[in-house]
Amino acid sequence: MTPSNNDARPSKIVCVGKNYREHAAEMGGPVPDSPILFLKPPSSVIAAGDPIVAPSGVGEVHFEGEIAVRIGRSARHLSEAEAWDYVEGVLPLNDVTAREIQRKDGQWSRAKSFDTFCPLGPVVQISLEELPSLSLTTRVNGQERQRAQASDMVFSLPFLLAFITRVMTLEPGDIVATGTPEGVGALEPGDEVEVEISSVGTLRNPVVGEGDIGS
């Protein structure tokens, strides 16, 4: 397993909603018949160790630990069989969400797009055979909040890559996030959140309030 440089900012982050049955249930909806896609902007990206900034006046800000992949070469109309050949590596991702805005807006763009709302961890190359056994764990202040395996996903990663590339071209450096399992919850200034993928690495970020920046 080989770590990869994670400095380049992606042109887009393509995310999948409700890709774990228990998370769909905790969010009050059924498992979708086909993947639900949404985008996070490149401006939301931060690295491991950078602070997640909880904006003032938006209500609860939630963590969502996810298994993500970074694309290695331009991909369009992929088949499931060839999809993994276009993956540079796997990485932990935190799809930080302003939950009350998400509920209010009825769609997800604003709630998911604040600056610092997409921490990205280390990128590691793995084989397709290793993928199903990857374990995802999210902790807040050392306390486990989420745990799942890649094999628990409703839609597998090769299926998602084939589905997405029928809609849009994935460019080198783009990130695909595969959805979060059950157990999402609120973050507060002073917290530290960790998203760990077994055999890949751990993404750690502190949480600060908007008023704490520059103080």
C-alpha atoms as a PDB file:
ATOM      1  CA  MET A   1       0.000   0.000   0.000  1.00  0.00           C
ATOM      2  CA  THR A   2       1.587   3.241  -1.174  1.00  0.00           C
ATOM      3  CA  PRO A   3       0.747   6.719   0.199  1.00  0.00           C
ATOM      4  CA  SER A   4       0.162   9.426  -2.409  1.00  0.00           C
ATOM      5  CA  ASN A   5       0.648  13.187  -2.340  1.00  0.00           C
ATOM      6  CA  ASN A   6      -2.574  14.947  -1.311  1.00  0.00           C
ATOM      7  CA  ASP A   7      -1.672  18.599  -1.957  1.00  0.00           C
ATOM      8  CA  ALA A   8      -3.555  19.192  -5.218  1.00  0.00           C
ATOM      9  CA  ARG A   9      -7.065  20.587  -4.882  1.00  0.00           C
ATOM     10  CA  PRO A  10      -9.665  18.570  -6.850  1.00  0.00           C
ATOM     11  CA  SER A  11     -11.787  20.152  -9.555  1.00  0.00           C
ATOM     12  CA  LYS A  12     -14.851  18.657  -7.821  1.00  0.00           C
ATOM     13  CA  ILE A  13     -15.912  16.406  -4.971  1.00  0.00           C
ATOM     14  CA  VAL A  14     -18.739  14.066  -5.979  1.00  0.00           C
ATOM     15  CA  CYS A  15     -20.657  12.699  -2.989  1.00  0.00           C
ATOM     16  CA  VAL A  16     -23.224   9.948  -2.565  1.00  0.00           C
ATOM     17  CA  GLY A  17     -26.166  10.257  -0.165  1.00  0.00           C
ATOM     18  CA  LYS A  18     -27.816   7.484   1.862  1.00  0.00           C
ATOM     19  CA  ASN A  19     -25.487   4.704   0.747  1.00  0.00           C
ATOM     20  CA  TYR A  20     -25.799   2.786   4.044  1.00  0.00           C
ATOM     21  CA  ARG A  21     -29.187   1.364   5.039  1.00  0.00           C
ATOM     22  CA  GLU A  22     -28.953   2.354   8.707  1.00  0.00           C
ATOM     23  CA  HIS A  23     -27.988   5.944   7.864  1.00  0.00           C
ATOM     24  CA  ALA A  24     -30.926   6.255   5.468  1.00  0.00           C
ATOM     25  CA  ALA A  25     -33.150   5.136   8.331  1.00  0.00           C
ATOM     26  CA  GLU A  26     -31.662   7.585  10.855  1.00  0.00           C
ATOM     27  CA  MET A  27     -32.205  10.404   8.365  1.00  0.00           C
ATOM     28  CA  GLY A  28     -35.859   9.423   8.056  1.00  0.00           C
ATOM     29  CA  GLY A  29     -35.920   8.099   4.496  1.00  0.00           C
ATOM     30  CA  PRO A  30     -35.806   4.873   2.505  1.00  0.00           C
ATOM     31  CA  VAL A  31     -32.779   3.456   0.744  1.00  0.00           C
ATOM     32  CA  PRO A  32     -32.765   5.021  -2.752  1.00  0.00           C
ATOM     33  CA  ASP A  33     -33.282   2.905  -5.860  1.00  0.00           C
ATOM     34  CA  SER A  34     -30.259   4.548  -7.493  1.00  0.00           C
ATOM     35  CA  PRO A  35     -27.378   6.627  -6.098  1.00  0.00           C
ATOM     36  CA  ILE A  36     -28.168  10.162  -4.917  1.00  0.00           C
ATOM     37  CA  LEU A  37     -25.374  12.472  -6.084  1.00  0.00           C
ATOM     38  CA  PHE A  38     -24.390  15.914  -4.848  1.00  0.00           C
ATOM     39  CA  LEU A  39     -21.276  18.077  -5.081  1.00  0.00           C
ATOM     40  CA  LYS A  40     -19.052  19.828  -2.583  1.00  0.00           C
ATOM     41  CA  PRO A  41     -16.942  22.742  -3.891  1.00  0.00           C
ATOM     42  CA  PRO A  42     -13.137  22.654  -4.012  1.00  0.00           C
ATOM     43  CA  SER A  43     -13.143  25.668  -1.664  1.00  0.00           C
ATOM     44  CA  SER A  44     -14.467  23.422   1.131  1.00  0.00           C
ATOM     45  CA  VAL A  45     -11.310  21.261   1.140  1.00  0.00           C
ATOM     46  CA  ILE A  46      -8.862  21.296   4.050  1.00  0.00           C
ATOM     47  CA  ALA A  47      -6.055  18.928   5.018  1.00  0.00           C
ATOM     48  CA  ALA A  48      -5.546  16.778   8.078  1.00  0.00           C
ATOM     49  CA  GLY A  49      -4.820  18.963  11.088  1.00  0.00           C
ATOM     50  CA  ASP A  50      -6.518  22.048   9.699  1.00  0.00           C
ATOM     51  CA  PRO A  51      -9.441  23.399  11.754  1.00  0.00           C
ATOM     52  CA  ILE A  52     -13.051  22.804  10.819  1.00  0.00           C
ATOM     53  CA  VAL A  53     -14.745  26.166  11.301  1.00  0.00           C
ATOM     54  CA  ALA A  54     -18.298  26.033  12.670  1.00  0.00           C
ATOM     55  CA  PRO A  55     -20.018  29.084  11.118  1.00  0.00           C
ATOM     56  CA  SER A  56     -21.952  31.412  13.370  1.00  0.00           C
ATOM     57  CA  GLY A  57     -25.741  31.265  13.257  1.00  0.00           C
ATOM     58  CA  VAL A  58     -26.171  28.023  11.283  1.00  0.00           C
ATOM     59  CA  GLY A  59     -27.156  25.685  14.125  1.00  0.00           C
ATOM     60  CA  GLU A  60     -25.762  22.182  14.459  1.00  0.00           C
ATOM     61  CA  VAL A  61     -22.691  21.227  12.443  1.00  0.00           C
ATOM     62  CA  HIS A  62     -22.396  17.447  12.001  1.00  0.00           C
ATOM     63  CA  PHE A  63     -19.548  15.083  11.169  1.00  0.00           C
ATOM     64  CA  GLU A  64     -19.998  12.416   8.482  1.00  0.00           C
ATOM     65  CA  GLY A  65     -17.057  10.044   8.177  1.00  0.00           C
ATOM     66  CA  GLU A  66     -16.679   8.460   4.736  1.00  0.00           C
ATOM     67  CA  ILE A  67     -14.533   6.221   2.576  1.00  0.00           C
ATOM     68  CA  ALA A  68     -13.487   8.195  -0.497  1.00  0.00           C
ATOM     69  CA  VAL A  69     -11.330   7.650  -3.575  1.00  0.00           C
ATOM     70  CA  ARG A  70      -9.199   9.965  -5.661  1.00  0.00           C
ATOM     71  CA  ILE A  71      -9.334   9.605  -9.446  1.00  0.00           C
ATOM     72  CA  GLY A  72      -6.044   8.995 -11.244  1.00  0.00           C
ATOM     73  CA  ARG A  73      -6.971   9.656 -14.871  1.00  0.00           C
ATOM     74  CA  SER A  74      -9.800  11.113 -16.922  1.00  0.00           C
ATOM     75  CA  ALA A  75     -12.828   8.815 -16.727  1.00  0.00           C
ATOM     76  CA  ARG A  76     -16.023   8.818 -18.801  1.00  0.00           C
ATOM     77  CA  HIS A  77     -18.585   6.048 -19.399  1.00  0.00           C
ATOM     78  CA  LEU A  78     -16.694   3.496 -17.331  1.00  0.00           C
ATOM     79  CA  SER A  79     -17.866  -0.059 -16.893  1.00  0.00           C
ATOM     80  CA  GLU A  80     -17.859  -1.583 -13.413  1.00  0.00           C
ATOM     81  CA  ALA A  81     -15.192  -4.038 -14.541  1.00  0.00           C
ATOM     82  CA  GLU A  82     -12.692  -1.322 -15.508  1.00  0.00           C
ATOM     83  CA  ALA A  83     -13.620   1.339 -12.936  1.00  0.00           C
ATOM     84  CA  TRP A  84     -10.955   0.493 -10.353  1.00  0.00           C
ATOM     85  CA  ASP A  85      -8.212   1.002 -12.944  1.00  0.00           C
ATOM     86  CA  TYR A  86      -9.029   4.728 -12.813  1.00  0.00           C
ATOM     87  CA  VAL A  87      -8.659   5.036  -9.038  1.00  0.00           C
ATOM     88  CA  GLU A  88      -5.420   6.509  -7.695  1.00  0.00           C
ATOM     89  CA  GLY A  89      -6.134   5.580  -4.088  1.00  0.00           C
ATOM     90  CA  VAL A  90      -8.455   5.514  -1.096  1.00  0.00           C
ATOM     91  CA  LEU A  91      -8.682   8.222   1.574  1.00  0.00           C
ATOM     92  CA  PRO A  92     -10.741   9.166   4.638  1.00  0.00           C
ATOM     93  CA  LEU A  93     -13.084  12.144   4.165  1.00  0.00           C
ATOM     94  CA  ASN A  94     -15.336  14.097   6.522  1.00  0.00           C
ATOM     95  CA  ASP A  95     -18.480  15.391   4.809  1.00  0.00           C
ATOM     96  CA  VAL A  96     -19.138  18.141   7.362  1.00  0.00           C
ATOM     97  CA  THR A  97     -22.749  19.330   7.177  1.00  0.00           C
ATOM     98  CA  ALA A  98     -24.782  22.218   8.587  1.00  0.00           C
ATOM     99  CA  ARG A  99     -27.687  19.939   9.457  1.00  0.00           C
ATOM    100  CA  GLU A 100     -30.360  22.519  10.208  1.00  0.00           C
ATOM    101  CA  ILE A 101     -29.686  24.288   6.907  1.00  0.00           C
ATOM    102  CA  GLN A 102     -29.932  20.946   5.102  1.00  0.00           C
ATOM    103  CA  ARG A 103     -33.362  20.331   6.626  1.00  0.00           C
ATOM    104  CA  LYS A 104     -34.522  23.898   5.974  1.00  0.00           C
ATOM    105  CA  ASP A 105     -33.369  24.119   2.362  1.00  0.00           C
ATOM    106  CA  GLY A 106     -34.729  20.743   1.299  1.00  0.00           C
ATOM    107  CA  GLN A 107     -31.572  20.199  -0.769  1.00  0.00           C
ATOM    108  CA  TRP A 108     -27.987  19.870   0.278  1.00  0.00           C
ATOM    109  CA  SER A 109     -25.715  22.292  -1.560  1.00  0.00           C
ATOM    110  CA  ARG A 110     -25.542  25.163   0.930  1.00  0.00           C
ATOM    111  CA  ALA A 111     -25.348  22.911   3.979  1.00  0.00           C
ATOM    112  CA  LYS A 112     -22.411  20.955   2.580  1.00  0.00           C
ATOM    113  CA  SER A 113     -20.419  23.788   0.997  1.00  0.00           C
ATOM    114  CA  PHE A 114     -19.074  26.036   3.743  1.00  0.00           C
ATOM    115  CA  ASP A 115     -15.323  26.627   3.733  1.00  0.00           C
ATOM    116  CA  THR A 116     -13.501  23.882   5.736  1.00  0.00           C
ATOM    117  CA  PHE A 117     -16.420  21.429   5.351  1.00  0.00           C
ATOM    118  CA  CYS A 118     -14.417  18.804   3.409  1.00  0.00           C
ATOM    119  CA  PRO A 119     -11.363  17.561   5.319  1.00  0.00           C
ATOM    120  CA  LEU A 120      -9.344  15.054   3.263  1.00  0.00           C
ATOM    121  CA  GLY A 121      -6.919  12.501   4.680  1.00  0.00           C
ATOM    122  CA  PRO A 122      -3.999  10.516   3.288  1.00  0.00           C
ATOM    123  CA  VAL A 123      -4.396   8.761  -0.083  1.00  0.00           C
ATOM    124  CA  VAL A 124      -3.254   5.136  -0.189  1.00  0.00           C
ATOM    125  CA  GLN A 125      -3.273   2.712  -3.108  1.00  0.00           C
ATOM    126  CA  ILE A 126      -5.073  -0.562  -2.444  1.00  0.00           C
ATOM    127  CA  SER A 127      -6.264  -3.437  -4.597  1.00  0.00           C
ATOM    128  CA  LEU A 128      -9.895  -3.996  -5.509  1.00  0.00           C
ATOM    129  CA  GLU A 129      -9.733  -7.277  -3.582  1.00  0.00           C
ATOM    130  CA  GLU A 130      -8.853  -5.385  -0.384  1.00  0.00           C
ATOM    131  CA  LEU A 131     -11.710  -2.916  -0.741  1.00  0.00           C
ATOM    132  CA  PRO A 132     -14.632  -4.869   0.844  1.00  0.00           C
ATOM    133  CA  SER A 133     -12.688  -5.479   4.064  1.00  0.00           C
ATOM    134  CA  LEU A 134     -11.895  -1.801   4.691  1.00  0.00           C
ATOM    135  CA  SER A 135     -13.315  -0.623   8.004  1.00  0.00           C
ATOM    136  CA  LEU A 136     -14.442   2.973   8.602  1.00  0.00           C
ATOM    137  CA  THR A 137     -14.433   4.405  12.143  1.00  0.00           C
ATOM    138  CA  THR A 138     -15.308   7.950  13.222  1.00  0.00           C
ATOM    139  CA  ARG A 139     -14.438   9.252  16.697  1.00  0.00           C
ATOM    140  CA  VAL A 140     -15.114  12.540  18.467  1.00  0.00           C
ATOM    141  CA  ASN A 141     -12.742  13.321  21.322  1.00  0.00           C
ATOM    142  CA  GLY A 142     -11.611   9.690  21.237  1.00  0.00           C
ATOM    143  CA  GLN A 143     -15.144   8.276  21.543  1.00  0.00           C
ATOM    144  CA  GLU A 144     -16.328   6.034  18.724  1.00  0.00           C
ATOM    145  CA  ARG A 145     -19.408   7.366  16.928  1.00  0.00           C
ATOM    146  CA  GLN A 146     -19.475   5.478  13.607  1.00  0.00           C
ATOM    147  CA  ARG A 147     -18.255   2.076  12.439  1.00  0.00           C
ATOM    148  CA  ALA A 148     -18.909   0.271   9.155  1.00  0.00           C
ATOM    149  CA  GLN A 149     -17.213  -1.731   6.430  1.00  0.00           C
ATOM    150  CA  ALA A 150     -17.025  -0.965   2.744  1.00  0.00           C
ATOM    151  CA  SER A 151     -18.978  -4.166   2.150  1.00  0.00           C
ATOM    152  CA  ASP A 152     -21.951  -2.569   3.975  1.00  0.00           C
ATOM    153  CA  MET A 153     -22.516  -0.014   1.198  1.00  0.00           C
ATOM    154  CA  VAL A 154     -25.762  -0.262  -0.756  1.00  0.00           C
ATOM    155  CA  PHE A 155     -23.960   0.628  -4.001  1.00  0.00           C
ATOM    156  CA  SER A 156     -20.379  -0.612  -4.401  1.00  0.00           C
ATOM    157  CA  LEU A 157     -17.548   1.676  -5.418  1.00  0.00           C
ATOM    158  CA  PRO A 158     -17.169   0.199  -8.935  1.00  0.00           C
ATOM    159  CA  PHE A 159     -20.911   0.619  -9.455  1.00  0.00           C
ATOM    160  CA  LEU A 160     -20.763   4.223  -8.219  1.00  0.00           C
ATOM    161  CA  LEU A 161     -17.875   5.110 -10.529  1.00  0.00           C
ATOM    162  CA  ALA A 162     -19.695   3.629 -13.515  1.00  0.00           C
ATOM    163  CA  PHE A 163     -22.899   5.469 -12.534  1.00  0.00           C
ATOM    164  CA  ILE A 164     -21.174   8.827 -11.997  1.00  0.00           C
ATOM    165  CA  THR A 165     -19.193   8.701 -15.232  1.00  0.00           C
ATOM    166  CA  ARG A 166     -22.384   8.244 -17.218  1.00  0.00           C
ATOM    167  CA  VAL A 167     -23.285  11.719 -15.924  1.00  0.00           C
ATOM    168  CA  MET A 168     -19.999  13.613 -15.818  1.00  0.00           C
ATOM    169  CA  THR A 169     -16.334  13.192 -16.632  1.00  0.00           C
ATOM    170  CA  LEU A 170     -14.146  12.566 -13.608  1.00  0.00           C
ATOM    171  CA  GLU A 171     -10.814  14.340 -13.926  1.00  0.00           C
ATOM    172  CA  PRO A 172      -7.479  13.404 -12.330  1.00  0.00           C
ATOM    173  CA  GLY A 173      -7.508  14.509  -8.714  1.00  0.00           C
ATOM    174  CA  ASP A 174     -11.303  14.495  -8.381  1.00  0.00           C
ATOM    175  CA  ILE A 175     -12.695  12.952  -5.204  1.00  0.00           C
ATOM    176  CA  VAL A 176     -15.626  10.550  -4.961  1.00  0.00           C
ATOM    177  CA  ALA A 177     -17.111  10.132  -1.467  1.00  0.00           C
ATOM    178  CA  THR A 178     -19.198   7.029  -0.948  1.00  0.00           C
ATOM    179  CA  GLY A 179     -21.630   8.028   1.800  1.00  0.00           C
ATOM    180  CA  THR A 180     -21.647   7.880   5.583  1.00  0.00           C
ATOM    181  CA  PRO A 181     -22.923   5.134   7.905  1.00  0.00           C
ATOM    182  CA  GLU A 182     -25.256   5.637  10.856  1.00  0.00           C
ATOM    183  CA  GLY A 183     -24.126   7.568  13.914  1.00  0.00           C
ATOM    184  CA  VAL A 184     -23.709  11.110  12.589  1.00  0.00           C
ATOM    185  CA  GLY A 185     -23.819  13.823  15.212  1.00  0.00           C
ATOM    186  CA  ALA A 186     -22.963  17.344  16.254  1.00  0.00           C
ATOM    187  CA  LEU A 187     -19.533  18.915  16.615  1.00  0.00           C
ATOM    188  CA  GLU A 188     -18.699  21.746  18.997  1.00  0.00           C
ATOM    189  CA  PRO A 189     -15.754  24.163  19.123  1.00  0.00           C
ATOM    190  CA  GLY A 190     -12.996  22.468  21.080  1.00  0.00           C
ATOM    191  CA  ASP A 191     -13.797  18.986  19.729  1.00  0.00           C
ATOM    192  CA  GLU A 192     -11.392  16.858  17.730  1.00  0.00           C
ATOM    193  CA  VAL A 193     -12.896  14.548  15.097  1.00  0.00           C
ATOM    194  CA  GLU A 194     -11.123  11.537  13.597  1.00  0.00           C
ATOM    195  CA  VAL A 195     -12.066   9.515  10.525  1.00  0.00           C
ATOM    196  CA  GLU A 196     -10.040   6.314  10.238  1.00  0.00           C
ATOM    197  CA  ILE A 197      -9.951   3.754   7.433  1.00  0.00           C
ATOM    198  CA  SER A 198      -8.195   0.519   8.320  1.00  0.00           C
ATOM    199  CA  SER A 199      -4.946  -0.028   6.383  1.00  0.00           C
ATOM    200  CA  VAL A 200      -5.245   3.506   4.939  1.00  0.00           C
ATOM    201  CA  GLY A 201      -4.889   6.073   7.712  1.00  0.00           C
ATOM    202  CA  THR A 202      -6.572   8.524  10.039  1.00  0.00           C
ATOM    203  CA  LEU A 203      -7.842  12.035   9.333  1.00  0.00           C
ATOM    204  CA  ARG A 204      -7.842  14.292  12.428  1.00  0.00           C
ATOM    205  CA  ASN A 205      -9.180  17.837  12.608  1.00  0.00           C
ATOM    206  CA  PRO A 206      -9.922  20.195  15.484  1.00  0.00           C
ATOM    207  CA  VAL A 207     -13.160  22.169  15.512  1.00  0.00           C
ATOM    208  CA  VAL A 208     -13.217  25.933  16.147  1.00  0.00           C
ATOM    209  CA  GLY A 209     -15.917  28.555  16.174  1.00  0.00           C
ATOM    210  CA  GLU A 210     -16.019  31.228  13.507  1.00  0.00           C
ATOM    211  CA  GLY A 211     -15.339  33.845  16.169  1.00  0.00           C
ATOM    212  CA  ASP A 212     -12.166  32.049  17.214  1.00  0.00           C
ATOM    213  CA  ILE A 213     -10.420  32.600  13.883  1.00  0.00           C
ATOM    214  CA  GLY A 214      -7.658  35.153  14.248  1.00  0.00           C
ATOM    215  CA  SER A 215      -8.148  35.541  17.978  1.00  0.00           C
END
